[in-house]
Amino acid sequence: FLMKDMEKATHRLCKAIRDSDTVVVYGDYDVD
């Protein structure tokens, strides 16, 4: 929570978990 916007990000993920949202994880094609 020392990271900027972590409060907002975790709040939105917790809401997604509570509401059974449909989520898309958008990544990149390298190892990372």
All heavy atoms as atom14 arrays in JSON, in Angstrom:
{
  "sequence": "FLMKDMEKATHRLCKAIRDSDTVVVYGDYDVD",
  "atom14_mask": [
    [1, 1, 1, 1, 1, 1, 1, 1, 1, 1, 1, 0, 0, 0],
    [1, 1, 1, 1, 1, 1, 1, 1, 0, 0, 0, 0, 0, 0],
    [1, 1, 1, 1, 1, 1, 1, 1, 0, 0, 0, 0, 0, 0],
    [1, 1, 1, 1, 1, 1, 1, 1, 1, 0, 0, 0, 0, 0],
    [1, 1, 1, 1, 1, 1, 1, 1, 0, 0, 0, 0, 0, 0],
    [1, 1, 1, 1, 1, 1, 1, 1, 0, 0, 0, 0, 0, 0],
    [1, 1, 1, 1, 1, 1, 1, 1, 1, 0, 0, 0, 0, 0],
    [1, 1, 1, 1, 1, 1, 1, 1, 1, 0, 0, 0, 0, 0],
    [1, 1, 1, 1, 1, 0, 0, 0, 0, 0, 0, 0, 0, 0],
    [1, 1, 1, 1, 1, 1, 1, 0, 0, 0, 0, 0, 0, 0],
    [1, 1, 1, 1, 1, 1, 1, 1, 1, 1, 0, 0, 0, 0],
    [1, 1, 1, 1, 1, 1, 1, 1, 1, 1, 1, 0, 0, 0],
    [1, 1, 1, 1, 1, 1, 1, 1, 0, 0, 0, 0, 0, 0],
    [1, 1, 1, 1, 1, 1, 0, 0, 0, 0, 0, 0, 0, 0],
    [1, 1, 1, 1, 1, 1, 1, 1, 1, 0, 0, 0, 0, 0],
    [1, 1, 1, 1, 1, 0, 0, 0, 0, 0, 0, 0, 0, 0],
    [1, 1, 1, 1, 1, 1, 1, 1, 0, 0, 0, 0, 0, 0],
    [1, 1, 1, 1, 1, 1, 1, 1, 1, 1, 1, 0, 0, 0],
    [1, 1, 1, 1, 1, 1, 1, 1, 0, 0, 0, 0, 0, 0],
    [1, 1, 1, 1, 1, 1, 0, 0, 0, 0, 0, 0, 0, 0],
    [1, 1, 1, 1, 1, 1, 1, 1, 0, 0, 0, 0, 0, 0],
    [1, 1, 1, 1, 1, 1, 1, 0, 0, 0, 0, 0, 0, 0],
    [1, 1, 1, 1, 1, 1, 1, 0, 0, 0, 0, 0, 0, 0],
    [1, 1, 1, 1, 1, 1, 1, 0, 0, 0, 0, 0, 0, 0],
    [1, 1, 1, 1, 1, 1, 1, 0, 0, 0, 0, 0, 0, 0],
    [1, 1, 1, 1, 1, 1, 1, 1, 1, 1, 1, 1, 0, 0],
    [1, 1, 1, 1, 0, 0, 0, 0, 0, 0, 0, 0, 0, 0],
    [1, 1, 1, 1, 1, 1, 1, 1, 0, 0, 0, 0, 0, 0],
    [1, 1, 1, 1, 1, 1, 1, 1, 1, 1, 1, 1, 0, 0],
    [1, 1, 1, 1, 1, 1, 1, 1, 0, 0, 0, 0, 0, 0],
    [1, 1, 1, 1, 1, 1, 1, 0, 0, 0, 0, 0, 0, 0],
    [1, 1, 1, 1, 1, 1, 1, 1, 0, 0, 0, 0, 0, 0]
  ],
  "atom14_positions": [
    [[0.81, -1.22, 0.0], [0.0, 0.0, 0.0], [0.85, 1.28, 0.0], [0.31, 2.38, -0.02], [-0.98, -0.02, 1.18], [-2.09, -1.02, 0.97], [-2.0, -2.28, 1.51], [-3.19, -0.71, 0.19], [-3.0, -3.23, 1.31], [-4.2, -1.63, -0.03], [-4.11, -2.9, 0.52], [0.0, 0.0, 0.0], [0.0, 0.0, 0.0], [0.0, 0.0, 0.0]],
    [[2.17, 1.11, -0.03], [3.05, 2.26, -0.24], [3.06, 2.68, -1.7], [3.52, 3.76, -2.04], [4.48, 1.93, 0.22], [4.67, 1.68, 1.72], [6.1, 1.22, 2.01], [4.34, 2.93, 2.53], [0.0, 0.0, 0.0], [0.0, 0.0, 0.0], [0.0, 0.0, 0.0], [0.0, 0.0, 0.0], [0.0, 0.0, 0.0], [0.0, 0.0, 0.0]],
    [[2.55, 1.8, -2.58], [2.54, 2.09, -4.0], [1.33, 2.95, -4.36], [0.22, 2.69, -3.92], [2.53, 0.79, -4.81], [2.82, 0.97, -6.3], [2.93, -0.59, -7.21], [4.41, -1.3, -6.5], [0.0, 0.0, 0.0], [0.0, 0.0, 0.0], [0.0, 0.0, 0.0], [0.0, 0.0, 0.0], [0.0, 0.0, 0.0], [0.0, 0.0, 0.0]],
    [[1.58, 3.97, -5.15], [0.51, 4.88, -5.6], [-0.61, 4.09, -6.27], [-0.38, 3.21, -7.09], [1.11, 5.89, -6.59], [0.13, 6.87, -7.2], [-0.31, 7.93, -6.22], [-1.18, 8.98, -6.89], [-1.67, 9.99, -5.92], [0.0, 0.0, 0.0], [0.0, 0.0, 0.0], [0.0, 0.0, 0.0], [0.0, 0.0, 0.0], [0.0, 0.0, 0.0]],
    [[-1.85, 4.39, -5.89], [-3.08, 3.8, -6.44], [-3.35, 2.37, -5.98], [-4.3, 1.74, -6.46], [-3.08, 3.82, -7.98], [-3.55, 5.16, -8.54], [-3.77, 6.09, -7.75], [-3.7, 5.27, -9.78], [0.0, 0.0, 0.0], [0.0, 0.0, 0.0], [0.0, 0.0, 0.0], [0.0, 0.0, 0.0], [0.0, 0.0, 0.0], [0.0, 0.0, 0.0]],
    [[-2.54, 1.83, -5.07], [-2.79, 0.45, -4.62], [-4.13, 0.34, -3.9], [-4.84, -0.68, -4.04], [-1.65, -0.02, -3.7], [-1.79, -1.49, -3.26], [-1.78, -2.68, -4.63], [-0.05, -2.68, -5.08], [0.0, 0.0, 0.0], [0.0, 0.0, 0.0], [0.0, 0.0, 0.0], [0.0, 0.0, 0.0], [0.0, 0.0, 0.0], [0.0, 0.0, 0.0]],
    [[-4.49, 1.36, -3.16], [-5.79, 1.34, -2.46], [-6.92, 1.21, -3.48], [-7.85, 0.41, -3.31], [-5.95, 2.61, -1.63], [-7.19, 2.65, -0.75], [-7.17, 1.62, 0.37], [-6.1, 1.43, 0.99], [-8.22, 0.98, 0.62], [0.0, 0.0, 0.0], [0.0, 0.0, 0.0], [0.0, 0.0, 0.0], [0.0, 0.0, 0.0], [0.0, 0.0, 0.0]],
    [[-6.86, 2.01, -4.54], [-7.9, 1.96, -5.58], [-7.9, 0.61, -6.31], [-8.96, 0.04, -6.59], [-7.67, 3.08, -6.6], [-7.78, 4.49, -6.06], [-7.44, 5.5, -7.15], [-7.45, 6.92, -6.63], [-7.04, 7.89, -7.69], [0.0, 0.0, 0.0], [0.0, 0.0, 0.0], [0.0, 0.0, 0.0], [0.0, 0.0, 0.0], [0.0, 0.0, 0.0]],
    [[-6.7, 0.11, -6.62], [-6.6, -1.14, -7.37], [-7.15, -2.32, -6.57], [-7.92, -3.15, -7.09], [-5.14, -1.4, -7.76], [0.0, 0.0, 0.0], [0.0, 0.0, 0.0], [0.0, 0.0, 0.0], [0.0, 0.0, 0.0], [0.0, 0.0, 0.0], [0.0, 0.0, 0.0], [0.0, 0.0, 0.0], [0.0, 0.0, 0.0], [0.0, 0.0, 0.0]],
    [[-6.78, -2.4, -5.29], [-7.24, -3.53, -4.47], [-8.74, -3.43, -4.19], [-9.44, -4.44, -4.12], [-6.46, -3.6, -3.16], [-6.55, -2.34, -2.47], [-4.99, -3.92, -3.41], [0.0, 0.0, 0.0], [0.0, 0.0, 0.0], [0.0, 0.0, 0.0], [0.0, 0.0, 0.0], [0.0, 0.0, 0.0], [0.0, 0.0, 0.0], [0.0, 0.0, 0.0]],
    [[-9.23, -2.2, -4.03], [-10.67, -2.01, -3.84], [-11.44, -2.54, -5.05], [-12.46, -3.22, -4.9], [-10.98, -0.53, -3.62], [-12.44, -0.23, -3.5], [-13.15, -0.42, -2.32], [-13.35, 0.25, -4.41], [-14.42, -0.1, -2.52], [-14.57, 0.32, -3.78], [0.0, 0.0, 0.0], [0.0, 0.0, 0.0], [0.0, 0.0, 0.0], [0.0, 0.0, 0.0]],
    [[-10.91, -2.26, -6.25], [-11.62, -2.71, -7.46], [-11.53, -4.23, -7.62], [-12.51, -4.88, -8.04], [-11.02, -2.03, -8.7], [-11.77, -2.39, -10.0], [-13.23, -1.95, -9.93], [-14.04, -2.39, -11.07], [-14.7, -3.55, -11.14], [-14.62, -4.42, -10.12], [-15.42, -3.85, -12.19], [0.0, 0.0, 0.0], [0.0, 0.0, 0.0], [0.0, 0.0, 0.0]],
    [[-10.41, -4.84, -7.26], [-10.31, -6.3, -7.34], [-11.2, -6.98, -6.31], [-11.83, -8.02, -6.6], [-8.86, -6.76, -7.18], [-8.2, -7.19, -8.5], [-8.06, -6.0, -9.44], [-6.84, -7.83, -8.27], [0.0, 0.0, 0.0], [0.0, 0.0, 0.0], [0.0, 0.0, 0.0], [0.0, 0.0, 0.0], [0.0, 0.0, 0.0], [0.0, 0.0, 0.0]],
    [[-11.27, -6.42, -5.12], [-12.16, -6.98, -4.09], [-13.61, -6.9, -4.54], [-14.4, -7.84, -4.31], [-11.97, -6.25, -2.76], [-10.39, -6.59, -1.95], [0.0, 0.0, 0.0], [0.0, 0.0, 0.0], [0.0, 0.0, 0.0], [0.0, 0.0, 0.0], [0.0, 0.0, 0.0], [0.0, 0.0, 0.0], [0.0, 0.0, 0.0], [0.0, 0.0, 0.0]],
    [[-13.98, -5.79, -5.17], [-15.34, -5.65, -5.7], [-15.6, -6.71, -6.77], [-16.68, -7.32, -6.82], [-15.53, -4.25, -6.28], [-16.93, -3.98, -6.85], [-17.03, -2.56, -7.4], [-18.45, -2.26, -7.88], [-18.92, -3.16, -8.96], [0.0, 0.0, 0.0], [0.0, 0.0, 0.0], [0.0, 0.0, 0.0], [0.0, 0.0, 0.0], [0.0, 0.0, 0.0]],
    [[-14.61, -6.93, -7.65], [-14.76, -7.95, -8.7], [-14.98, -9.33, -8.09], [-15.8, -10.11, -8.58], [-13.52, -7.95, -9.59], [0.0, 0.0, 0.0], [0.0, 0.0, 0.0], [0.0, 0.0, 0.0], [0.0, 0.0, 0.0], [0.0, 0.0, 0.0], [0.0, 0.0, 0.0], [0.0, 0.0, 0.0], [0.0, 0.0, 0.0], [0.0, 0.0, 0.0]],
    [[-14.26, -9.62, -7.02], [-14.39, -10.92, -6.36], [-15.77, -11.05, -5.7], [-16.45, -12.08, -5.81], [-13.25, -11.1, -5.33], [-11.91, -11.25, -6.07], [-13.51, -12.31, -4.43], [-10.7, -11.14, -5.17], [0.0, 0.0, 0.0], [0.0, 0.0, 0.0], [0.0, 0.0, 0.0], [0.0, 0.0, 0.0], [0.0, 0.0, 0.0], [0.0, 0.0, 0.0]],
    [[-16.21, -9.98, -5.03], [-17.53, -10.0, -4.36], [-18.67, -10.11, -5.37], [-19.64, -10.83, -5.15], [-17.72, -8.74, -3.52], [-16.95, -8.73, -2.21], [-17.48, -7.64, -1.29], [-17.51, -6.33, -1.96], [-16.51, -5.46, -1.94], [-15.39, -5.76, -1.3], [-16.62, -4.29, -2.55], [0.0, 0.0, 0.0], [0.0, 0.0, 0.0], [0.0, 0.0, 0.0]],
    [[-18.54, -9.4, -6.51], [-19.63, -9.33, -7.48], [-19.54, -10.38, -8.58], [-20.36, -10.4, -9.49], [-19.64, -7.93, -8.13], [-19.92, -6.82, -7.13], [-20.31, -7.14, -5.99], [-19.72, -5.63, -7.49], [0.0, 0.0, 0.0], [0.0, 0.0, 0.0], [0.0, 0.0, 0.0], [0.0, 0.0, 0.0], [0.0, 0.0, 0.0], [0.0, 0.0, 0.0]],
    [[-18.51, -11.25, -8.5], [-18.29, -12.28, -9.54], [-18.22, -11.66, -10.94], [-18.88, -12.1, -11.88], [-19.39, -13.35, -9.49], [-19.36, -14.02, -8.26], [0.0, 0.0, 0.0], [0.0, 0.0, 0.0], [0.0, 0.0, 0.0], [0.0, 0.0, 0.0], [0.0, 0.0, 0.0], [0.0, 0.0, 0.0], [0.0, 0.0, 0.0], [0.0, 0.0, 0.0]],
    [[-17.42, -10.62, -11.05], [-17.24, -9.93, -12.33], [-16.57, -10.84, -13.36], [-15.86, -11.8, -13.01], [-16.37, -8.68, -12.16], [-17.14, -7.52, -11.56], [-18.37, -7.6, -11.46], [-16.47, -6.52, -11.18], [0.0, 0.0, 0.0], [0.0, 0.0, 0.0], [0.0, 0.0, 0.0], [0.0, 0.0, 0.0], [0.0, 0.0, 0.0], [0.0, 0.0, 0.0]],
    [[-16.75, -10.48, -14.62], [-15.98, -11.09, -15.71], [-14.74, -10.22, -15.92], [-14.85, -9.01, -16.1], [-16.8, -11.17, -17.0], [-17.92, -12.04, -16.79], [-15.97, -11.7, -18.15], [0.0, 0.0, 0.0], [0.0, 0.0, 0.0], [0.0, 0.0, 0.0], [0.0, 0.0, 0.0], [0.0, 0.0, 0.0], [0.0, 0.0, 0.0], [0.0, 0.0, 0.0]],
    [[-13.57, -10.86, -15.89], [-12.31, -10.1, -15.93], [-11.44, -10.61, -17.08], [-11.34, -11.81, -17.32], [-11.52, -10.25, -14.6], [-10.26, -9.4, -14.64], [-12.39, -9.88, -13.41], [0.0, 0.0, 0.0], [0.0, 0.0, 0.0], [0.0, 0.0, 0.0], [0.0, 0.0, 0.0], [0.0, 0.0, 0.0], [0.0, 0.0, 0.0], [0.0, 0.0, 0.0]],
    [[-10.82, -9.66, -17.78], [-9.81, -9.99, -18.79], [-8.46, -9.54, -18.27], [-8.29, -8.38, -17.87], [-10.11, -9.3, -20.14], [-8.93, -9.49, -21.11], [-11.38, -9.86, -20.77], [0.0, 0.0, 0.0], [0.0, 0.0, 0.0], [0.0, 0.0, 0.0], [0.0, 0.0, 0.0], [0.0, 0.0, 0.0], [0.0, 0.0, 0.0], [0.0, 0.0, 0.0]],
    [[-7.49, -10.47, -18.24], [-6.11, -10.13, -17.89], [-5.37, -9.88, -19.2], [-5.29, -10.76, -20.06], [-5.43, -11.26, -17.11], [-4.01, -10.85, -16.72], [-6.24, -11.62, -15.87], [0.0, 0.0, 0.0], [0.0, 0.0, 0.0], [0.0, 0.0, 0.0], [0.0, 0.0, 0.0], [0.0, 0.0, 0.0], [0.0, 0.0, 0.0], [0.0, 0.0, 0.0]],
    [[-4.88, -8.66, -19.37], [-4.24, -8.25, -20.62], [-2.72, -8.21, -20.4], [-2.23, -7.42, -19.61], [-4.74, -6.86, -21.03], [-4.47, -6.47, -22.46], [-5.52, -6.22, -23.34], [-3.17, -6.37, -22.95], [-5.29, -5.86, -24.66], [-2.92, -6.02, -24.26], [-3.98, -5.77, -25.11], [-3.74, -5.43, -26.42], [0.0, 0.0, 0.0], [0.0, 0.0, 0.0]],
    [[-2.01, -9.1, -21.1], [-0.57, -9.2, -20.86], [0.29, -8.85, -22.05], [-0.12, -8.16, -22.97], [0.0, 0.0, 0.0], [0.0, 0.0, 0.0], [0.0, 0.0, 0.0], [0.0, 0.0, 0.0], [0.0, 0.0, 0.0], [0.0, 0.0, 0.0], [0.0, 0.0, 0.0], [0.0, 0.0, 0.0], [0.0, 0.0, 0.0], [0.0, 0.0, 0.0]],
    [[1.51, -9.37, -22.01], [2.48, -9.15, -23.07], [3.06, -10.5, -23.47], [2.92, -11.49, -22.75], [3.58, -8.2, -22.57], [4.6, -7.86, -23.65], [4.21, -7.81, -24.83], [5.78, -7.65, -23.32], [0.0, 0.0, 0.0], [0.0, 0.0, 0.0], [0.0, 0.0, 0.0], [0.0, 0.0, 0.0], [0.0, 0.0, 0.0], [0.0, 0.0, 0.0]],
    [[3.76, -10.54, -24.61], [4.19, -11.82, -25.16], [5.56, -12.28, -24.7], [6.03, -13.33, -25.11], [4.15, -11.77, -26.7], [4.63, -10.48, -27.3], [5.96, -10.1, -27.26], [3.72, -9.61, -27.92], [6.38, -8.92, -27.8], [4.15, -8.41, -28.48], [5.48, -8.06, -28.42], [5.9, -6.88, -28.96], [0.0, 0.0, 0.0], [0.0, 0.0, 0.0]],
    [[6.25, -11.5, -23.87], [7.56, -11.96, -23.39], [7.4, -12.73, -22.08], [6.29, -12.98, -21.61], [8.53, -10.79, -23.25], [8.14, -9.82, -22.15], [7.11, -10.03, -21.47], [8.87, -8.82, -21.94], [0.0, 0.0, 0.0], [0.0, 0.0, 0.0], [0.0, 0.0, 0.0], [0.0, 0.0, 0.0], [0.0, 0.0, 0.0], [0.0, 0.0, 0.0]],
    [[8.53, -13.15, -21.48], [8.46, -13.97, -20.27], [7.8, -13.22, -19.12], [6.95, -13.76, -18.42], [9.87, -14.44, -19.85], [9.79, -15.31, -18.58], [10.53, -15.24, -20.97], [0.0, 0.0, 0.0], [0.0, 0.0, 0.0], [0.0, 0.0, 0.0], [0.0, 0.0, 0.0], [0.0, 0.0, 0.0], [0.0, 0.0, 0.0], [0.0, 0.0, 0.0]],
    [[8.19, -11.97, -18.94], [7.6, -11.17, -17.86], [6.09, -11.05, -18.05], [5.3, -11.23, -17.12], [8.26, -9.79, -17.82], [7.91, -8.99, -16.56], [7.39, -9.59, -15.6], [8.16, -7.78, -16.56], [0.0, 0.0, 0.0], [0.0, 0.0, 0.0], [0.0, 0.0, 0.0], [0.0, 0.0, 0.0], [0.0, 0.0, 0.0], [0.0, 0.0, 0.0]]
  ]
}
